[in-house]
C-alpha atoms as a PDB file:
ATOM      1  CA  UNK A   1      -3.358 -12.679  -5.158  1.00  0.00           C
ATOM      2  CA  UNK A   2       0.367 -12.717  -5.737  1.00  0.00           C
ATOM      3  CA  UNK A   3      -0.073  -9.779  -8.021  1.00  0.00           C
ATOM      4  CA  UNK A   4      -1.707  -7.649  -5.338  1.00  0.00           C
ATOM      5  CA  UNK A   5       1.107  -8.406  -2.845  1.00  0.00           C
ATOM      6  CA  UNK A   6       3.686  -7.474  -5.315  1.00  0.00           C
ATOM      7  CA  UNK A   7       1.870  -4.177  -6.029  1.00  0.00           C
ATOM      8  CA  UNK A   8       1.616  -3.558  -2.284  1.00  0.00           C
ATOM      9  CA  UNK A   9       5.357  -4.130  -1.811  1.00  0.00           C
ATOM     10  CA  UNK A  10       5.990  -1.699  -4.734  1.00  0.00           C
ATOM     11  CA  UNK A  11       3.756   0.935  -3.070  1.00  0.00           C
ATOM     12  CA  UNK A  12       5.578   0.524   0.247  1.00  0.00           C
ATOM     13  CA  UNK A  13       9.036   0.871  -1.398  1.00  0.00           C
ATOM     14  CA  UNK A  14       7.666   3.765  -3.315  1.00  0.00           C
ATOM     15  CA  UNK A  15       7.009   5.592  -0.092  1.00  0.00           C
ATOM     16  CA  UNK A  16      10.648   5.717   0.708  1.00  0.00           C
ATOM     17  CA  UNK A  17      12.138   9.105   0.151  1.00  0.00           C
ATOM     18  CA  UNK A  18      14.566   9.103  -2.527  1.00  0.00           C
ATOM     19  CA  UNK A  19      15.535  12.737  -3.312  1.00  0.00           C
ATOM     20  CA  UNK A  20      16.716  13.658   0.076  1.00  0.00           C
ATOM     21  CA  UNK A  21      19.879  12.741   2.016  1.00  0.00           C
ATOM     22  CA  UNK A  22      19.521  10.452   4.938  1.00  0.00           C
ATOM     23  CA  UNK A  23      21.430  10.791   8.302  1.00  0.00           C
ATOM     24  CA  UNK A  24      22.686   8.310  10.805  1.00  0.00           C
ATOM     25  CA  UNK A  25      20.687   7.774  14.030  1.00  0.00           C
ATOM     26  CA  UNK A  26      20.299  11.450  15.437  1.00  0.00           C
ATOM     27  CA  UNK A  27      22.538  12.384  18.424  1.00  0.00           C
ATOM     28  CA  UNK A  28      21.046  11.656  21.653  1.00  0.00           C
ATOM     29  CA  UNK A  29      18.000  10.023  20.005  1.00  0.00           C
ATOM     30  CA  UNK A  30      15.330   9.050  22.346  1.00  0.00           C
ATOM     31  CA  UNK A  31      11.874   7.267  22.041  1.00  0.00           C
ATOM     32  CA  UNK A  32       9.178   9.739  21.349  1.00  0.00           C
ATOM     33  CA  UNK A  33       5.992   9.935  23.171  1.00  0.00           C
ATOM     34  CA  UNK A  34       3.123   8.457  20.947  1.00  0.00           C
ATOM     35  CA  UNK A  35       1.641  11.987  20.834  1.00  0.00           C
ATOM     36  CA  UNK A  36       4.655  13.346  19.215  1.00  0.00           C
ATOM     37  CA  UNK A  37       4.486  10.838  16.479  1.00  0.00           C
ATOM     38  CA  UNK A  38       0.713  11.127  16.094  1.00  0.00           C
ATOM     39  CA  UNK A  39       1.055  15.040  15.681  1.00  0.00           C
ATOM     40  CA  UNK A  40       3.551  14.482  12.845  1.00  0.00           C
ATOM     41  CA  UNK A  41       1.131  12.376  10.909  1.00  0.00           C
ATOM     42  CA  UNK A  42      -2.535  13.007  11.663  1.00  0.00           C
ATOM     43  CA  UNK A  43      -4.374  14.720   8.951  1.00  0.00           C
ATOM     44  CA  UNK A  44      -1.692  14.325   6.520  1.00  0.00           C
ATOM     45  CA  UNK A  45      -1.131  12.270   3.330  1.00  0.00           C
ATOM     46  CA  UNK A  46       2.114  10.580   2.658  1.00  0.00           C
ATOM     47  CA  UNK A  47       2.447  10.506  -1.120  1.00  0.00           C
ATOM     48  CA  UNK A  48       4.041   7.448  -2.946  1.00  0.00           C
ATOM     49  CA  UNK A  49       5.523   8.511  -6.220  1.00  0.00           C
ATOM     50  CA  UNK A  50       7.688   5.832  -7.961  1.00  0.00           C
ATOM     51  CA  UNK A  51       5.365   3.233  -9.586  1.00  0.00           C
ATOM     52  CA  UNK A  52       2.290   4.578  -7.728  1.00  0.00           C
ATOM     53  CA  UNK A  53       1.389   8.202  -8.045  1.00  0.00           C
ATOM     54  CA  UNK A  54      -0.803   7.989  -4.845  1.00  0.00           C
ATOM     55  CA  UNK A  55      -0.460   7.758  -1.144  1.00  0.00           C
ATOM     56  CA  UNK A  56      -1.840   6.972   2.238  1.00  0.00           C
ATOM     57  CA  UNK A  57      -3.800   9.253   4.406  1.00  0.00           C
ATOM     58  CA  UNK A  58      -3.466   9.219   8.152  1.00  0.00           C
ATOM     59  CA  UNK A  59      -6.930  10.315   9.299  1.00  0.00           C
ATOM     60  CA  UNK A  60      -8.556  10.950  12.712  1.00  0.00           C
ATOM     61  CA  UNK A  61      -9.753   7.914  14.814  1.00  0.00           C
ATOM     62  CA  UNK A  62      -6.825   6.081  13.448  1.00  0.00           C
ATOM     63  CA  UNK A  63      -8.312   5.586  10.055  1.00  0.00           C
ATOM     64  CA  UNK A  64      -5.930   5.010   7.126  1.00  0.00           C
ATOM     65  CA  UNK A  65      -6.857   5.157   3.566  1.00  0.00           C
ATOM     66  CA  UNK A  66      -4.518   4.370   0.492  1.00  0.00           C
ATOM     67  CA  UNK A  67      -4.785   4.750  -3.243  1.00  0.00           C
ATOM     68  CA  UNK A  68      -2.512   4.630  -6.259  1.00  0.00           C
ATOM     69  CA  UNK A  69      -3.239   5.964  -9.735  1.00  0.00           C
ATOM     70  CA  UNK A  70      -1.372   2.981 -11.368  1.00  0.00           C
ATOM     71  CA  UNK A  71      -4.057   0.654  -9.757  1.00  0.00           C
ATOM     72  CA  UNK A  72      -6.889   3.110  -9.722  1.00  0.00           C
ATOM     73  CA  UNK A  73      -9.588   0.446  -9.342  1.00  0.00           C
ATOM     74  CA  UNK A  74      -8.206  -0.566  -5.885  1.00  0.00           C
ATOM     75  CA  UNK A  75      -8.019   1.136  -2.526  1.00  0.00           C
ATOM     76  CA  UNK A  76      -6.606   0.383   0.895  1.00  0.00           C
ATOM     77  CA  UNK A  77      -8.673   0.893   4.096  1.00  0.00           C
ATOM     78  CA  UNK A  78      -7.654   0.203   7.672  1.00  0.00           C
ATOM     79  CA  UNK A  79      -6.128   1.675  10.627  1.00  0.00           C
ATOM     80  CA  UNK A  80      -2.822   3.309  11.802  1.00  0.00           C
ATOM     81  CA  UNK A  81      -1.490   3.186  15.481  1.00  0.00           C
ATOM     82  CA  UNK A  82       1.493   4.431  17.249  1.00  0.00           C
ATOM     83  CA  UNK A  83       2.936   2.374  20.155  1.00  0.00           C
ATOM     84  CA  UNK A  84       5.029   3.295  23.162  1.00  0.00           C
ATOM     85  CA  UNK A  85       8.219   2.254  21.411  1.00  0.00           C
ATOM     86  CA  UNK A  86       7.773   5.084  18.663  1.00  0.00           C
ATOM     87  CA  UNK A  87       6.542   2.628  15.970  1.00  0.00           C
ATOM     88  CA  UNK A  88       3.770   3.958  13.657  1.00  0.00           C
ATOM     89  CA  UNK A  89       2.015   0.962  11.979  1.00  0.00           C
ATOM     90  CA  UNK A  90      -0.517   0.784   9.481  1.00  0.00           C
ATOM     91  CA  UNK A  91      -2.588  -2.273   8.671  1.00  0.00           C
ATOM     92  CA  UNK A  92      -4.710  -2.016   5.398  1.00  0.00           C
ATOM     93  CA  UNK A  93      -7.182  -4.276   3.588  1.00  0.00           C
ATOM     94  CA  UNK A  94      -7.064  -3.829  -0.085  1.00  0.00           C
ATOM     95  CA  UNK A  95     -10.317  -3.721  -2.140  1.00  0.00           C
ATOM     96  CA  UNK A  96     -10.864  -4.180  -5.898  1.00  0.00           C
ATOM     97  CA  UNK A  97     -13.682  -4.906  -8.324  1.00  0.00           C
ATOM     98  CA  UNK A  98     -14.356  -8.746  -8.545  1.00  0.00           C
ATOM     99  CA  UNK A  99     -17.204  -9.910 -10.702  1.00  0.00           C
ATOM    100  CA  UNK A 100     -19.586  -6.979  -9.758  1.00  0.00           C
ATOM    101  CA  UNK A 101     -18.615  -7.110  -5.997  1.00  0.00           C
ATOM    102  CA  UNK A 102     -15.722  -5.924  -4.030  1.00  0.00           C
ATOM    103  CA  UNK A 103     -12.788  -8.373  -3.616  1.00  0.00           C
ATOM    104  CA  UNK A 104     -10.420  -7.918  -0.669  1.00  0.00           C
ATOM    105  CA  UNK A 105      -7.417  -9.160   0.712  1.00  0.00           C
ATOM    106  CA  UNK A 106      -5.468  -8.080   3.936  1.00  0.00           C
ATOM    107  CA  UNK A 107      -2.198  -6.483   3.394  1.00  0.00           C
ATOM    108  CA  UNK A 108       0.808  -6.964   5.487  1.00  0.00           C
ATOM    109  CA  UNK A 109       1.268  -4.802   8.488  1.00  0.00           C
ATOM    110  CA  UNK A 110       3.788  -2.078   7.875  1.00  0.00           C
ATOM    111  CA  UNK A 111       5.615  -0.183  10.644  1.00  0.00           C
ATOM    112  CA  UNK A 112       8.056   2.697  10.712  1.00  0.00           C
ATOM    113  CA  UNK A 113      10.273   3.486  13.682  1.00  0.00           C
ATOM    114  CA  UNK A 114      10.647   6.884  15.023  1.00  0.00           C
ATOM    115  CA  UNK A 115      12.965   8.775  17.430  1.00  0.00           C
ATOM    116  CA  UNK A 116      13.213  12.272  18.613  1.00  0.00           C
ATOM    117  CA  UNK A 117      16.546  14.221  18.698  1.00  0.00           C
ATOM    118  CA  UNK A 118      17.721  16.487  21.628  1.00  0.00           C
ATOM    119  CA  UNK A 119      15.637  19.315  19.969  1.00  0.00           C
ATOM    120  CA  UNK A 120      12.475  17.200  20.022  1.00  0.00           C
ATOM    121  CA  UNK A 121      12.544  16.813  16.213  1.00  0.00           C
ATOM    122  CA  UNK A 122      10.837  13.582  15.021  1.00  0.00           C
ATOM    123  CA  UNK A 123      12.778  11.341  12.876  1.00  0.00           C
ATOM    124  CA  UNK A 124      11.870   8.107  11.002  1.00  0.00           C
ATOM    125  CA  UNK A 125      13.535   4.959   9.674  1.00  0.00           C
ATOM    126  CA  UNK A 126      11.882   2.456   7.369  1.00  0.00           C
ATOM    127  CA  UNK A 127      12.086  -1.196   7.907  1.00  0.00           C
ATOM    128  CA  UNK A 128      15.286  -2.795   7.039  1.00  0.00           C
ATOM    129  CA  UNK A 129      17.060   0.494   6.705  1.00  0.00           C
ATOM    130  CA  UNK A 130      19.676   2.145   9.047  1.00  0.00           C
ATOM    131  CA  UNK A 131      19.061   5.678   7.663  1.00  0.00           C
ATOM    132  CA  UNK A 132      16.980   8.207   9.622  1.00  0.00           C
ATOM    133  CA  UNK A 133      14.833  10.826   7.969  1.00  0.00           C
ATOM    134  CA  UNK A 134      13.498  14.005   9.469  1.00  0.00           C
ATOM    135  CA  UNK A 135       9.680  13.904   9.395  1.00  0.00           C
ATOM    136  CA  UNK A 136       9.144  17.825   9.436  1.00  0.00           C
ATOM    137  CA  UNK A 137       9.895  19.286   6.119  1.00  0.00           C
ATOM    138  CA  UNK A 138       9.522  15.902   4.200  1.00  0.00           C
ATOM    139  CA  UNK A 139       7.894  16.759   0.798  1.00  0.00           C
ATOM    140  CA  UNK A 140       6.171  13.477   0.639  1.00  0.00           C
ATOM    141  CA  UNK A 141       4.064  14.296   3.828  1.00  0.00           C
ATOM    142  CA  UNK A 142       1.351  16.731   2.825  1.00  0.00           C
ATOM    143  CA  UNK A 143      -1.425  18.377   4.997  1.00  0.00           C
ATOM    144  CA  UNK A 144      -4.943  16.979   4.072  1.00  0.00           C
ATOM    145  CA  UNK A 145      -6.529  14.230   2.462  1.00  0.00           C
ATOM    146  CA  UNK A 146      -5.194  14.565  -1.058  1.00  0.00           C
ATOM    147  CA  UNK A 147      -6.860  11.427  -2.529  1.00  0.00           C
ATOM    148  CA  UNK A 148     -10.138  11.731  -0.898  1.00  0.00           C
ATOM    149  CA  UNK A 149     -12.229  12.024  -4.062  1.00  0.00           C
ATOM    150  CA  UNK A 150     -10.747   8.968  -5.607  1.00  0.00           C
ATOM    151  CA  UNK A 151     -11.173   6.855  -2.481  1.00  0.00           C
ATOM    152  CA  UNK A 152     -14.687   8.033  -1.945  1.00  0.00           C
ATOM    153  CA  UNK A 153     -15.784   7.335  -5.602  1.00  0.00           C
ATOM    154  CA  UNK A 154     -14.140   3.967  -5.465  1.00  0.00           C
ATOM    155  CA  UNK A 155     -15.837   3.040  -2.279  1.00  0.00           C
ATOM    156  CA  UNK A 156     -19.112   4.015  -3.949  1.00  0.00           C
ATOM    157  CA  UNK A 157     -18.409   1.990  -6.970  1.00  0.00           C
ATOM    158  CA  UNK A 158     -17.261  -1.032  -4.932  1.00  0.00           C
ATOM    159  CA  UNK A 159     -20.178  -0.745  -2.540  1.00  0.00           C
ATOM    160  CA  UNK A 160     -18.155  -0.661   0.610  1.00  0.00           C
END
């Protein structure tokens, strides 16, 4: 159990962009409409690189799916939501093989804060950080469900 939580923490840290320069809070930043944040994520996969080589897909109907090559026998399935304060949160349950059945463990809810600048560009800040990252143009966010085949195969294997 502790190993799974440590792995999840590593995946969340791996999601942080490291190759780009962060900025302070954008000038005249305001709380975005939920629809602005939803439009920035829906139908895209946020790729997690360091210690993961996988990512999380933000699907329609608020479905979220996550997978990492370094723990390829596990998957995360759950939901993602956007609140009126600009927070996009995902809440995943992690599944893995356990004596011929699927073991599961709820992950911790993870939220990312968003603002829009005076030009309506969406920015995000990760928990515990003061830096802000522009969402548009972020190389870690790619259109499509990149790990769909891996997740589908694992769901079938686990019987979920």
